[in-house]
Structure formats: C-alpha cells, structure tokens
Amino acid sequence: CMDPKGSWWIAVAAVVVLVVAGGIIYKSRQGSGASPVPTALVGQQLPVEKQPEIELAFTQDGHEVTVNITNLFADQVEYNLIYEATVTKGREKTQIQTGVTGGGNVAGKSTYSETQLLGSESSGKRVYHENIKNAAMELTLRDASGRSTFTATYPFEVTAGTSVDLTSN
C-alpha cells in the first residue's frame, strides 16, 4: 500500500499540472488576449495640384443642382450634400436636416458630373426642399483599393440660377 503523505503530494502535483496545462491551452486558443487594432484604410492625401475643383450649378428654380468635379485623380468619388430645409406637406411646413448622396466609379476619367434633386421623389411626385441653409458638401476620393486619398468639406449657399465654385481661394 502507498504512504498517505506521498499520495497527497502526487494529487497536488497532478492538479498543478492540469491547471498549468489548461491555462496554456486556454491562452493559445484565445490568442494574446489583446484585441486587434483596426487599421484605417487611408491612403496618402493628394498634393494641392492634384486636388479636385468643384462647381455646383443650380437650376433657375433652385430645385436641382449639377455637381461638376474636375481635375480628378481618383478611381471613386463619394459625396454628400447636407443641409437644413423646409418641407411643405399639405398645409404644414416642417424643418428637416437632410441631404443627397452621389458618386461613382471614375477610374480613367478626369471629370465627373451628376444632377441631383434638392428634395425627394416618390411615384413620380416631387417634393422640393425650400429655404435651404447651413449647407455643406462632404467629398471623399478613393484609389483603386478603396483607400481614401482626399477628404474635404465645403460650405455653400443655394442660390437659384447661379453656379458656385467651392474650391476657389
């Protein structure tokens, strides 16, 4: 028969070995324990001479705007025209924060143009935004890998029948 004191030490040693082995297995499956740090996909920002030139051309009634971007050195264009406006529904006028989004693939092109409704359209019925104020254009250019190469925000005012150069100094 075994000595009771010797059995106790064997049991303690076995428990210690199991705890250490369990800890090693747990840590290896969990990884280092540190959360991975996300890496932002930001490319090198464009030098001044390769930055885009932007013009907003408003229709005579101010209900639409044509976004013209030239001097493009990008594969993708993304923009938001964000503003506060009044919307009339029936007899009620409501203040809203809204905007329009546009953009697309421009690989191999040096210009981009798109006409946007300053309002909304549903089933052929248009609702125009009125009294537009606190307007700004947020622009992002991306390379072929989807990395941002240029971002900027340009404030502007909607003035019916005029064109506004957002990038003039």
C-alpha atoms as a PDB file:
ATOM      1  CA  CYS A   1       0.000   0.000   0.000  1.00  0.00           C
ATOM      2  CA  MET A   2       1.115   3.576  -0.600  1.00  0.00           C
ATOM      3  CA  ASP A   3       2.080   6.078   2.018  1.00  0.00           C
ATOM      4  CA  PRO A   4      -0.829   8.564   2.556  1.00  0.00           C
ATOM      5  CA  LYS A   5       1.599  11.510   2.635  1.00  0.00           C
ATOM      6  CA  GLY A   6       3.092  10.516  -0.765  1.00  0.00           C
ATOM      7  CA  SER A   7      -0.377  10.194  -2.326  1.00  0.00           C
ATOM      8  CA  TRP A   8      -1.220  13.700  -1.222  1.00  0.00           C
ATOM      9  CA  TRP A   9       1.825  15.174  -2.960  1.00  0.00           C
ATOM     10  CA  ILE A  10       1.083  13.242  -6.142  1.00  0.00           C
ATOM     11  CA  ALA A  11      -2.504  14.573  -6.128  1.00  0.00           C
ATOM     12  CA  VAL A  12      -1.306  18.175  -5.588  1.00  0.00           C
ATOM     13  CA  ALA A  13       1.273  17.841  -8.384  1.00  0.00           C
ATOM     14  CA  ALA A  14      -1.371  16.404 -10.748  1.00  0.00           C
ATOM     15  CA  VAL A  15      -3.748  19.309 -10.024  1.00  0.00           C
ATOM     16  CA  VAL A  16      -0.966  21.850 -10.596  1.00  0.00           C
ATOM     17  CA  VAL A  17      -0.003  20.185 -13.897  1.00  0.00           C
ATOM     18  CA  LEU A  18      -3.661  20.188 -15.030  1.00  0.00           C
ATOM     19  CA  VAL A  19      -4.154  23.847 -14.095  1.00  0.00           C
ATOM     20  CA  VAL A  20      -0.982  24.946 -15.896  1.00  0.00           C
ATOM     21  CA  ALA A  21      -1.806  22.842 -18.988  1.00  0.00           C
ATOM     22  CA  GLY A  22      -5.378  24.167 -19.019  1.00  0.00           C
ATOM     23  CA  GLY A  23      -4.122  27.740 -18.783  1.00  0.00           C
ATOM     24  CA  ILE A  24      -1.708  27.215 -21.674  1.00  0.00           C
ATOM     25  CA  ILE A  25      -4.404  25.660 -23.869  1.00  0.00           C
ATOM     26  CA  TYR A  26      -6.907  28.406 -22.979  1.00  0.00           C
ATOM     27  CA  LYS A  27      -4.397  31.188 -23.763  1.00  0.00           C
ATOM     28  CA  SER A  28      -3.337  29.613 -27.065  1.00  0.00           C
ATOM     29  CA  ARG A  29      -6.947  29.348 -28.240  1.00  0.00           C
ATOM     30  CA  GLN A  30      -7.782  32.858 -27.073  1.00  0.00           C
ATOM     31  CA  GLY A  31      -4.737  34.447 -28.709  1.00  0.00           C
ATOM     32  CA  SER A  32      -2.616  37.043 -26.993  1.00  0.00           C
ATOM     33  CA  GLY A  33      -5.579  38.449 -25.131  1.00  0.00           C
ATOM     34  CA  ALA A  34      -5.118  41.849 -26.775  1.00  0.00           C
ATOM     35  CA  SER A  35      -7.826  42.995 -29.142  1.00  0.00           C
ATOM     36  CA  PRO A  36      -6.648  43.533 -32.703  1.00  0.00           C
ATOM     37  CA  VAL A  37      -6.363  47.200 -33.562  1.00  0.00           C
ATOM     38  CA  PRO A  38      -8.270  48.061 -36.747  1.00  0.00           C
ATOM     39  CA  THR A  39      -6.202  49.778 -39.395  1.00  0.00           C
ATOM     40  CA  ALA A  40      -7.923  52.608 -41.215  1.00  0.00           C
ATOM     41  CA  LEU A  41      -7.707  52.412 -44.990  1.00  0.00           C
ATOM     42  CA  VAL A  42      -6.318  55.883 -45.550  1.00  0.00           C
ATOM     43  CA  GLY A  43      -4.053  56.484 -48.489  1.00  0.00           C
ATOM     44  CA  GLN A  44      -1.689  59.368 -48.948  1.00  0.00           C
ATOM     45  CA  GLN A  45      -3.606  62.652 -49.303  1.00  0.00           C
ATOM     46  CA  LEU A  46      -3.358  64.359 -52.682  1.00  0.00           C
ATOM     47  CA  PRO A  47      -0.976  67.289 -53.145  1.00  0.00           C
ATOM     48  CA  VAL A  48      -2.634  70.660 -53.834  1.00  0.00           C
ATOM     49  CA  GLU A  49      -2.127  70.495 -57.615  1.00  0.00           C
ATOM     50  CA  LYS A  50      -3.990  67.143 -57.757  1.00  0.00           C
ATOM     51  CA  GLN A  51      -6.918  68.198 -55.579  1.00  0.00           C
ATOM     52  CA  PRO A  52     -10.317  68.362 -57.280  1.00  0.00           C
ATOM     53  CA  GLU A  53     -12.098  71.507 -58.432  1.00  0.00           C
ATOM     54  CA  ILE A  54     -15.819  71.589 -57.615  1.00  0.00           C
ATOM     55  CA  GLU A  55     -18.647  73.648 -59.046  1.00  0.00           C
ATOM     56  CA  LEU A  56     -22.311  73.491 -58.052  1.00  0.00           C
ATOM     57  CA  ALA A  57     -24.692  74.779 -60.747  1.00  0.00           C
ATOM     58  CA  PHE A  58     -28.245  75.470 -59.509  1.00  0.00           C
ATOM     59  CA  THR A  59     -31.283  75.496 -61.816  1.00  0.00           C
ATOM     60  CA  GLN A  60     -33.311  78.698 -62.230  1.00  0.00           C
ATOM     61  CA  ASP A  61     -35.868  77.483 -59.662  1.00  0.00           C
ATOM     62  CA  GLY A  62     -33.190  76.129 -57.261  1.00  0.00           C
ATOM     63  CA  HIS A  63     -34.822  72.678 -57.174  1.00  0.00           C
ATOM     64  CA  GLU A  64     -31.857  70.864 -58.742  1.00  0.00           C
ATOM     65  CA  VAL A  65     -28.087  71.152 -58.657  1.00  0.00           C
ATOM     66  CA  THR A  66     -25.484  69.780 -61.036  1.00  0.00           C
ATOM     67  CA  VAL A  67     -22.335  68.687 -59.243  1.00  0.00           C
ATOM     68  CA  ASN A  68     -19.308  69.174 -61.510  1.00  0.00           C
ATOM     69  CA  ILE A  69     -15.925  67.884 -60.354  1.00  0.00           C
ATOM     70  CA  THR A  70     -12.822  68.384 -62.494  1.00  0.00           C
ATOM     71  CA  ASN A  71      -9.096  67.784 -62.027  1.00  0.00           C
ATOM     72  CA  LEU A  72      -9.884  64.282 -60.758  1.00  0.00           C
ATOM     73  CA  PHE A  73      -7.069  61.983 -59.700  1.00  0.00           C
ATOM     74  CA  ALA A  74      -9.119  59.140 -58.224  1.00  0.00           C
ATOM     75  CA  ASP A  75     -10.870  55.872 -59.004  1.00  0.00           C
ATOM     76  CA  GLN A  76     -14.001  56.582 -56.953  1.00  0.00           C
ATOM     77  CA  VAL A  77     -15.920  59.729 -55.982  1.00  0.00           C
ATOM     78  CA  GLU A  78     -18.296  59.884 -52.997  1.00  0.00           C
ATOM     79  CA  TYR A  79     -20.139  62.975 -51.822  1.00  0.00           C
ATOM     80  CA  ASN A  80     -22.946  64.137 -49.572  1.00  0.00           C
ATOM     81  CA  LEU A  81     -24.771  67.444 -49.865  1.00  0.00           C
ATOM     82  CA  ILE A  82     -26.072  68.017 -46.334  1.00  0.00           C
ATOM     83  CA  TYR A  83     -28.384  70.858 -45.326  1.00  0.00           C
ATOM     84  CA  GLU A  84     -31.357  72.098 -43.325  1.00  0.00           C
ATOM     85  CA  ALA A  85     -34.552  72.759 -45.278  1.00  0.00           C
ATOM     86  CA  THR A  86     -38.264  73.375 -45.072  1.00  0.00           C
ATOM     87  CA  VAL A  87     -40.634  70.768 -46.495  1.00  0.00           C
ATOM     88  CA  THR A  88     -44.292  71.506 -47.160  1.00  0.00           C
ATOM     89  CA  LYS A  89     -46.713  68.616 -46.626  1.00  0.00           C
ATOM     90  CA  GLY A  90     -50.270  69.689 -47.197  1.00  0.00           C
ATOM     91  CA  ARG A  91     -50.576  72.957 -45.317  1.00  0.00           C
ATOM     92  CA  GLU A  92     -47.809  72.200 -42.831  1.00  0.00           C
ATOM     93  CA  LYS A  93     -44.207  73.302 -43.158  1.00  0.00           C
ATOM     94  CA  THR A  94     -41.604  71.199 -41.384  1.00  0.00           C
ATOM     95  CA  GLN A  95     -37.895  71.935 -40.752  1.00  0.00           C
ATOM     96  CA  ILE A  96     -35.680  68.947 -41.516  1.00  0.00           C
ATOM     97  CA  GLN A  97     -31.986  68.043 -41.632  1.00  0.00           C
ATOM     98  CA  THR A  98     -31.450  66.171 -44.877  1.00  0.00           C
ATOM     99  CA  GLY A  99     -29.350  65.901 -47.988  1.00  0.00           C
ATOM    100  CA  VAL A 100     -28.458  63.904 -51.060  1.00  0.00           C
ATOM    101  CA  THR A 101     -25.705  61.409 -51.774  1.00  0.00           C
ATOM    102  CA  GLY A 102     -23.896  60.717 -55.014  1.00  0.00           C
ATOM    103  CA  GLY A 103     -20.764  59.407 -56.604  1.00  0.00           C
ATOM    104  CA  GLY A 104     -19.424  56.525 -58.577  1.00  0.00           C
ATOM    105  CA  ASN A 105     -16.519  54.930 -60.370  1.00  0.00           C
ATOM    106  CA  VAL A 106     -14.370  57.491 -62.187  1.00  0.00           C
ATOM    107  CA  ALA A 107     -11.318  55.353 -62.982  1.00  0.00           C
ATOM    108  CA  GLY A 108      -9.572  56.771 -66.056  1.00  0.00           C
ATOM    109  CA  LYS A 109     -11.676  59.953 -66.053  1.00  0.00           C
ATOM    110  CA  SER A 110     -10.670  63.472 -65.080  1.00  0.00           C
ATOM    111  CA  THR A 111     -14.211  64.858 -64.742  1.00  0.00           C
ATOM    112  CA  TYR A 112     -17.460  63.878 -63.047  1.00  0.00           C
ATOM    113  CA  SER A 113     -20.925  65.421 -63.368  1.00  0.00           C
ATOM    114  CA  GLU A 114     -24.270  64.490 -61.825  1.00  0.00           C
ATOM    115  CA  THR A 115     -27.569  66.339 -61.419  1.00  0.00           C
ATOM    116  CA  GLN A 116     -29.307  65.989 -58.061  1.00  0.00           C
ATOM    117  CA  LEU A 117     -32.828  66.848 -56.942  1.00  0.00           C
ATOM    118  CA  LEU A 118     -32.874  69.049 -53.840  1.00  0.00           C
ATOM    119  CA  GLY A 119     -35.924  67.299 -52.497  1.00  0.00           C
ATOM    120  CA  SER A 120     -37.471  63.873 -52.802  1.00  0.00           C
ATOM    121  CA  GLU A 121     -39.395  61.932 -55.398  1.00  0.00           C
ATOM    122  CA  SER A 122     -41.845  59.101 -54.893  1.00  0.00           C
ATOM    123  CA  SER A 123     -44.083  57.560 -57.558  1.00  0.00           C
ATOM    124  CA  GLY A 124     -43.318  60.466 -59.887  1.00  0.00           C
ATOM    125  CA  LYS A 125     -44.346  63.099 -57.333  1.00  0.00           C
ATOM    126  CA  ARG A 126     -41.629  65.540 -56.317  1.00  0.00           C
ATOM    127  CA  VAL A 127     -41.400  67.374 -53.015  1.00  0.00           C
ATOM    128  CA  TYR A 128     -38.902  70.238 -53.147  1.00  0.00           C
ATOM    129  CA  HIS A 129     -36.796  71.373 -50.236  1.00  0.00           C
ATOM    130  CA  GLU A 130     -37.241  75.089 -49.544  1.00  0.00           C
ATOM    131  CA  ASN A 131     -35.263  77.668 -47.565  1.00  0.00           C
ATOM    132  CA  ILE A 132     -32.093  75.560 -47.701  1.00  0.00           C
ATOM    133  CA  LYS A 133     -29.483  76.766 -45.216  1.00  0.00           C
ATOM    134  CA  ASN A 134     -26.379  75.538 -43.355  1.00  0.00           C
ATOM    135  CA  ALA A 135     -25.397  73.543 -46.441  1.00  0.00           C
ATOM    136  CA  ALA A 136     -22.121  71.710 -46.929  1.00  0.00           C
ATOM    137  CA  MET A 137     -20.635  69.245 -49.371  1.00  0.00           C
ATOM    138  CA  GLU A 138     -18.602  66.378 -47.922  1.00  0.00           C
ATOM    139  CA  LEU A 139     -16.306  64.905 -50.582  1.00  0.00           C
ATOM    140  CA  THR A 140     -14.174  61.764 -50.480  1.00  0.00           C
ATOM    141  CA  LEU A 141     -11.932  60.468 -53.271  1.00  0.00           C
ATOM    142  CA  ARG A 142     -10.697  56.871 -53.192  1.00  0.00           C
ATOM    143  CA  ASP A 143      -7.991  54.910 -55.002  1.00  0.00           C
ATOM    144  CA  ALA A 144      -8.443  51.530 -56.729  1.00  0.00           C
ATOM    145  CA  SER A 145      -8.037  49.743 -53.368  1.00  0.00           C
ATOM    146  CA  GLY A 146     -10.832  51.782 -51.768  1.00  0.00           C
ATOM    147  CA  ARG A 147      -8.450  53.832 -49.620  1.00  0.00           C
ATOM    148  CA  SER A 148      -9.304  57.475 -49.050  1.00  0.00           C
ATOM    149  CA  THR A 149      -6.893  59.757 -50.909  1.00  0.00           C
ATOM    150  CA  PHE A 150      -8.720  63.031 -50.317  1.00  0.00           C
ATOM    151  CA  THR A 151     -11.471  64.248 -47.994  1.00  0.00           C
ATOM    152  CA  ALA A 152     -12.841  67.742 -47.559  1.00  0.00           C
ATOM    153  CA  THR A 153     -15.968  69.616 -46.508  1.00  0.00           C
ATOM    154  CA  TYR A 154     -17.102  72.711 -48.383  1.00  0.00           C
ATOM    155  CA  PRO A 155     -19.855  75.019 -47.079  1.00  0.00           C
ATOM    156  CA  PHE A 156     -22.142  76.518 -49.725  1.00  0.00           C
ATOM    157  CA  GLU A 157     -25.337  78.524 -50.215  1.00  0.00           C
ATOM    158  CA  VAL A 158     -28.110  77.554 -52.606  1.00  0.00           C
ATOM    159  CA  THR A 159     -28.682  80.490 -54.936  1.00  0.00           C
ATOM    160  CA  ALA A 160     -31.161  79.719 -57.723  1.00  0.00           C
ATOM    161  CA  GLY A 161     -29.834  80.224 -61.243  1.00  0.00           C
ATOM    162  CA  THR A 162     -26.180  80.568 -60.259  1.00  0.00           C
ATOM    163  CA  SER A 163     -23.035  78.483 -60.198  1.00  0.00           C
ATOM    164  CA  VAL A 164     -20.814  78.314 -57.131  1.00  0.00           C
ATOM    165  CA  ASP A 165     -17.112  77.407 -57.252  1.00  0.00           C
ATOM    166  CA  LEU A 166     -16.405  75.602 -53.978  1.00  0.00           C
ATOM    167  CA  THR A 167     -12.656  75.365 -54.439  1.00  0.00           C
ATOM    168  CA  SER A 168     -11.747  78.948 -55.365  1.00  0.00           C
ATOM    169  CA  ASN A 169      -9.283  80.569 -52.995  1.00  0.00           C
END
